[in-house]
Amino acid sequence: MNHVGTQELTTKRLTLRKLKLEDFHDIFNNWAGDKEVAKYTTWYAHQSEEVTQEYVKMVVRPYNELNYYCWGIEYQKNLVGMISVIQVDEEAEVCGIGYVLSK
């Protein structure tokens, strides 16, 4: 595979971009702190913005690695979700993705 890392992608409706540390407030309010959104995910709803802030620090740390992919999903200038590559099989050249969207 030819890895290029998390690059910004823009369509007519959406922008996929790297998350920023200051996004934690929107992430908490739009999906991470929402029990209904987290109901069918592999993680529990965050109990506080501080938990989300620590999570975002972990997410943005490896952005300089070319085999790391994690985007914030913007719709009409609002951060409404995220999508990331969660599993890579280099030999088969396939990967899995995980995503979450706000209500």
N, C-alpha and C. Protein backbone atom coordinates (compact mmCIF):
# COMPACT_ATOMS: atom_id res chain seq x y z
N MET A 1 0.84 -1.18 0.00
CA MET A 1 0.00 0.00 0.00
C MET A 1 0.89 1.24 0.00
N ASN A 2 0.41 2.25 -0.65
CA ASN A 2 1.11 3.53 -0.67
C ASN A 2 0.39 4.49 0.28
N HIS A 3 0.86 4.57 1.50
CA HIS A 3 0.20 5.40 2.51
C HIS A 3 0.54 6.87 2.31
N VAL A 4 -0.47 7.72 2.51
CA VAL A 4 -0.28 9.16 2.37
C VAL A 4 -0.74 9.91 3.62
N GLY A 5 -1.26 9.22 4.61
CA GLY A 5 -1.70 9.87 5.84
C GLY A 5 -3.03 10.59 5.67
N THR A 6 -3.44 11.25 6.71
CA THR A 6 -4.72 11.95 6.73
C THR A 6 -4.61 13.24 5.94
N GLN A 7 -5.18 13.23 4.76
CA GLN A 7 -5.19 14.41 3.89
C GLN A 7 -6.60 14.99 3.88
N GLU A 8 -6.71 16.30 3.75
CA GLU A 8 -8.04 16.91 3.67
C GLU A 8 -8.72 16.53 2.37
N LEU A 9 -9.99 16.18 2.46
CA LEU A 9 -10.80 15.82 1.31
C LEU A 9 -12.06 16.68 1.32
N THR A 10 -12.38 17.28 0.18
CA THR A 10 -13.53 18.16 0.11
C THR A 10 -14.43 17.74 -1.04
N THR A 11 -15.73 17.68 -0.75
CA THR A 11 -16.75 17.43 -1.78
C THR A 11 -17.69 18.63 -1.78
N LYS A 12 -18.73 18.57 -2.59
CA LYS A 12 -19.70 19.66 -2.62
C LYS A 12 -20.39 19.83 -1.27
N ARG A 13 -20.57 18.73 -0.52
CA ARG A 13 -21.33 18.79 0.73
C ARG A 13 -20.49 18.67 1.98
N LEU A 14 -19.38 17.96 1.92
CA LEU A 14 -18.61 17.64 3.12
C LEU A 14 -17.14 18.01 2.99
N THR A 15 -16.52 18.23 4.13
CA THR A 15 -15.07 18.33 4.21
C THR A 15 -14.61 17.32 5.25
N LEU A 16 -13.66 16.50 4.87
CA LEU A 16 -13.02 15.59 5.82
C LEU A 16 -11.67 16.21 6.13
N ARG A 17 -11.40 16.46 7.40
CA ARG A 17 -10.18 17.16 7.78
C ARG A 17 -9.62 16.58 9.07
N LYS A 18 -8.34 16.90 9.30
CA LYS A 18 -7.73 16.50 10.56
C LYS A 18 -8.45 17.19 11.71
N LEU A 19 -8.60 16.45 12.78
CA LEU A 19 -9.15 17.06 13.99
C LEU A 19 -8.10 17.95 14.63
N LYS A 20 -8.56 18.94 15.37
CA LYS A 20 -7.69 19.87 16.09
C LYS A 20 -8.01 19.79 17.57
N LEU A 21 -7.04 20.10 18.42
CA LEU A 21 -7.25 20.03 19.85
C LEU A 21 -8.46 20.86 20.29
N GLU A 22 -8.66 22.00 19.64
CA GLU A 22 -9.77 22.86 20.04
C GLU A 22 -11.15 22.34 19.60
N ASP A 23 -11.19 21.21 18.89
CA ASP A 23 -12.46 20.61 18.48
C ASP A 23 -13.17 19.86 19.61
N PHE A 24 -12.49 19.69 20.75
CA PHE A 24 -13.05 18.83 21.79
C PHE A 24 -14.45 19.25 22.24
N HIS A 25 -14.70 20.54 22.30
CA HIS A 25 -16.02 21.01 22.74
C HIS A 25 -17.12 20.55 21.77
N ASP A 26 -16.89 20.75 20.47
CA ASP A 26 -17.87 20.32 19.46
C ASP A 26 -18.02 18.80 19.45
N ILE A 27 -16.92 18.08 19.60
CA ILE A 27 -16.97 16.62 19.61
C ILE A 27 -17.81 16.13 20.78
N PHE A 28 -17.57 16.70 21.95
CA PHE A 28 -18.35 16.30 23.13
C PHE A 28 -19.83 16.61 22.95
N ASN A 29 -20.14 17.81 22.53
CA ASN A 29 -21.54 18.23 22.40
C ASN A 29 -22.27 17.56 21.24
N ASN A 30 -21.57 17.26 20.16
CA ASN A 30 -22.24 16.73 18.97
C ASN A 30 -22.37 15.21 18.95
N TRP A 31 -21.43 14.48 19.58
CA TRP A 31 -21.60 13.03 19.59
C TRP A 31 -20.93 12.31 20.76
N ALA A 32 -19.76 12.67 21.18
CA ALA A 32 -19.04 11.87 22.17
C ALA A 32 -19.74 11.83 23.52
N GLY A 33 -20.44 12.90 23.88
CA GLY A 33 -21.15 12.93 25.15
C GLY A 33 -22.60 12.49 25.07
N ASP A 34 -23.01 12.02 23.91
CA ASP A 34 -24.42 11.66 23.67
C ASP A 34 -24.61 10.15 23.84
N LYS A 35 -25.34 9.75 24.88
CA LYS A 35 -25.58 8.33 25.15
C LYS A 35 -26.33 7.63 24.02
N GLU A 36 -27.21 8.35 23.36
CA GLU A 36 -27.95 7.74 22.24
C GLU A 36 -27.02 7.44 21.07
N VAL A 37 -26.09 8.32 20.79
CA VAL A 37 -25.13 8.09 19.71
C VAL A 37 -24.21 6.93 20.08
N ALA A 38 -23.75 6.89 21.32
CA ALA A 38 -22.80 5.87 21.75
C ALA A 38 -23.44 4.50 21.94
N LYS A 39 -24.74 4.44 21.94
CA LYS A 39 -25.46 3.19 22.25
C LYS A 39 -24.99 2.00 21.41
N TYR A 40 -24.73 2.21 20.14
CA TYR A 40 -24.35 1.10 19.26
C TYR A 40 -22.88 1.17 18.82
N THR A 41 -22.06 1.85 19.61
CA THR A 41 -20.64 1.93 19.29
C THR A 41 -19.85 1.01 20.22
N THR A 42 -18.55 0.97 20.02
CA THR A 42 -17.68 0.14 20.87
C THR A 42 -17.19 0.91 22.08
N TRP A 43 -17.65 2.14 22.28
CA TRP A 43 -17.22 2.97 23.39
C TRP A 43 -18.43 3.55 24.12
N TYR A 44 -18.19 3.99 25.33
CA TYR A 44 -19.25 4.60 26.14
C TYR A 44 -19.24 6.11 25.93
N ALA A 45 -20.39 6.74 26.11
CA ALA A 45 -20.48 8.19 26.02
C ALA A 45 -19.53 8.81 27.04
N HIS A 46 -18.85 9.88 26.63
CA HIS A 46 -17.94 10.58 27.52
C HIS A 46 -18.75 11.29 28.61
N GLN A 47 -18.24 11.24 29.82
CA GLN A 47 -18.94 11.84 30.95
C GLN A 47 -18.64 13.33 31.12
N SER A 48 -17.58 13.81 30.47
CA SER A 48 -17.21 15.21 30.62
C SER A 48 -16.39 15.67 29.41
N GLU A 49 -16.30 16.99 29.24
CA GLU A 49 -15.47 17.54 28.18
C GLU A 49 -14.00 17.21 28.40
N GLU A 50 -13.59 17.05 29.66
CA GLU A 50 -12.20 16.70 29.96
C GLU A 50 -11.85 15.34 29.38
N VAL A 51 -12.77 14.39 29.45
CA VAL A 51 -12.54 13.06 28.86
C VAL A 51 -12.37 13.21 27.35
N THR A 52 -13.23 14.00 26.73
CA THR A 52 -13.14 14.21 25.29
C THR A 52 -11.85 14.92 24.93
N GLN A 53 -11.44 15.88 25.73
CA GLN A 53 -10.20 16.60 25.47
C GLN A 53 -9.01 15.64 25.47
N GLU A 54 -8.95 14.72 26.42
CA GLU A 54 -7.88 13.72 26.46
C GLU A 54 -7.95 12.79 25.26
N TYR A 55 -9.16 12.42 24.87
CA TYR A 55 -9.34 11.56 23.70
C TYR A 55 -8.82 12.26 22.43
N VAL A 56 -9.15 13.53 22.27
CA VAL A 56 -8.70 14.26 21.07
C VAL A 56 -7.18 14.36 21.06
N LYS A 57 -6.56 14.55 22.21
CA LYS A 57 -5.09 14.58 22.27
C LYS A 57 -4.52 13.28 21.73
N MET A 58 -5.13 12.16 22.10
CA MET A 58 -4.68 10.85 21.63
C MET A 58 -4.88 10.70 20.12
N VAL A 59 -5.99 11.22 19.61
CA VAL A 59 -6.32 11.10 18.19
C VAL A 59 -5.36 11.92 17.32
N VAL A 60 -5.03 13.13 17.74
CA VAL A 60 -4.23 14.01 16.88
C VAL A 60 -2.73 13.70 16.95
N ARG A 61 -2.28 13.05 18.00
CA ARG A 61 -0.85 12.79 18.20
C ARG A 61 -0.19 12.10 17.00
N PRO A 62 -0.78 11.04 16.40
CA PRO A 62 -0.08 10.34 15.32
C PRO A 62 -0.32 10.90 13.91
N TYR A 63 -0.83 12.13 13.78
CA TYR A 63 -1.10 12.67 12.45
C TYR A 63 0.13 12.74 11.55
N ASN A 64 1.31 12.76 12.10
CA ASN A 64 2.51 12.81 11.25
C ASN A 64 2.89 11.44 10.68
N GLU A 65 2.19 10.39 11.08
CA GLU A 65 2.46 9.05 10.57
C GLU A 65 1.68 8.83 9.27
N LEU A 66 2.36 8.37 8.24
CA LEU A 66 1.73 8.22 6.93
C LEU A 66 0.71 7.09 6.86
N ASN A 67 0.72 6.18 7.82
CA ASN A 67 -0.24 5.08 7.81
C ASN A 67 -1.38 5.31 8.81
N TYR A 68 -1.59 6.55 9.21
CA TYR A 68 -2.64 6.91 10.16
C TYR A 68 -3.68 7.77 9.45
N TYR A 69 -4.95 7.37 9.63
CA TYR A 69 -6.05 8.06 8.95
C TYR A 69 -7.19 8.30 9.93
N CYS A 70 -7.48 9.56 10.19
CA CYS A 70 -8.60 9.91 11.06
C CYS A 70 -9.07 11.31 10.68
N TRP A 71 -10.32 11.41 10.26
CA TRP A 71 -10.87 12.67 9.79
C TRP A 71 -12.04 13.11 10.65
N GLY A 72 -12.15 14.41 10.85
CA GLY A 72 -13.38 15.02 11.33
C GLY A 72 -14.26 15.26 10.12
N ILE A 73 -15.55 15.08 10.27
CA ILE A 73 -16.50 15.28 9.17
C ILE A 73 -17.21 16.61 9.39
N GLU A 74 -17.02 17.53 8.46
CA GLU A 74 -17.68 18.82 8.54
C GLU A 74 -18.80 18.89 7.50
N TYR A 75 -19.93 19.38 7.95
CA TYR A 75 -21.08 19.62 7.08
C TYR A 75 -21.57 21.03 7.36
N GLN A 76 -21.60 21.84 6.36
CA GLN A 76 -22.01 23.24 6.50
C GLN A 76 -21.24 23.92 7.64
N LYS A 77 -19.92 23.70 7.64
CA LYS A 77 -19.00 24.32 8.61
C LYS A 77 -19.16 23.81 10.04
N ASN A 78 -19.97 22.77 10.25
CA ASN A 78 -20.16 22.18 11.57
C ASN A 78 -19.51 20.80 11.63
N LEU A 79 -18.81 20.52 12.70
CA LEU A 79 -18.20 19.22 12.90
C LEU A 79 -19.28 18.25 13.36
N VAL A 80 -19.64 17.27 12.51
CA VAL A 80 -20.78 16.40 12.77
C VAL A 80 -20.39 14.94 12.98
N GLY A 81 -19.12 14.60 12.89
CA GLY A 81 -18.73 13.22 13.08
C GLY A 81 -17.26 13.02 12.79
N MET A 82 -16.88 11.76 12.81
CA MET A 82 -15.50 11.42 12.46
C MET A 82 -15.48 10.04 11.82
N ILE A 83 -14.42 9.82 11.05
CA ILE A 83 -14.23 8.54 10.37
C ILE A 83 -12.74 8.22 10.41
N SER A 84 -12.42 6.96 10.63
CA SER A 84 -11.01 6.58 10.70
C SER A 84 -10.81 5.16 10.20
N VAL A 85 -9.59 4.91 9.77
CA VAL A 85 -9.19 3.55 9.40
C VAL A 85 -8.85 2.85 10.70
N ILE A 86 -9.50 1.72 10.94
CA ILE A 86 -9.31 1.04 12.22
C ILE A 86 -8.56 -0.28 12.08
N GLN A 87 -8.43 -0.76 10.88
CA GLN A 87 -7.80 -2.06 10.68
C GLN A 87 -7.20 -2.08 9.28
N VAL A 88 -5.94 -2.47 9.17
CA VAL A 88 -5.28 -2.52 7.87
C VAL A 88 -4.66 -3.90 7.69
N ASP A 89 -4.89 -4.51 6.53
CA ASP A 89 -4.22 -5.74 6.15
C ASP A 89 -3.33 -5.39 4.96
N GLU A 90 -2.06 -5.13 5.26
CA GLU A 90 -1.12 -4.68 4.23
C GLU A 90 -0.99 -5.72 3.10
N GLU A 91 -0.96 -6.98 3.47
CA GLU A 91 -0.78 -8.05 2.47
C GLU A 91 -1.95 -8.09 1.49
N ALA A 92 -3.16 -8.02 2.00
CA ALA A 92 -4.35 -8.07 1.14
C ALA A 92 -4.69 -6.70 0.57
N GLU A 93 -4.04 -5.66 1.08
CA GLU A 93 -4.30 -4.28 0.66
C GLU A 93 -5.77 -3.89 0.85
N VAL A 94 -6.28 -4.19 2.04
CA VAL A 94 -7.65 -3.81 2.41
C VAL A 94 -7.61 -3.20 3.81
N CYS A 95 -8.66 -2.46 4.12
CA CYS A 95 -8.76 -1.88 5.45
C CYS A 95 -10.22 -1.79 5.87
N GLY A 96 -10.42 -1.65 7.16
CA GLY A 96 -11.74 -1.43 7.71
C GLY A 96 -11.84 0.00 8.18
N ILE A 97 -13.05 0.49 8.30
CA ILE A 97 -13.23 1.85 8.79
C ILE A 97 -14.24 1.86 9.93
N GLY A 98 -14.13 2.86 10.76
CA GLY A 98 -15.10 3.11 11.81
C GLY A 98 -15.55 4.55 11.67
N TYR A 99 -16.80 4.79 11.99
CA TYR A 99 -17.28 6.17 11.89
C TYR A 99 -18.36 6.41 12.94
N VAL A 100 -18.56 7.67 13.24
CA VAL A 100 -19.62 8.08 14.13
C VAL A 100 -20.16 9.41 13.61
N LEU A 101 -21.47 9.55 13.69
CA LEU A 101 -22.15 10.79 13.27
C LEU A 101 -23.04 11.28 14.38
N SER A 102 -23.13 12.58 14.52
CA SER A 102 -24.05 13.14 15.50
C SER A 102 -25.49 12.90 15.04
N LYS A 103 -26.42 13.04 15.96
CA LYS A 103 -27.83 12.84 15.62
C LYS A 103 -28.26 13.88 14.63
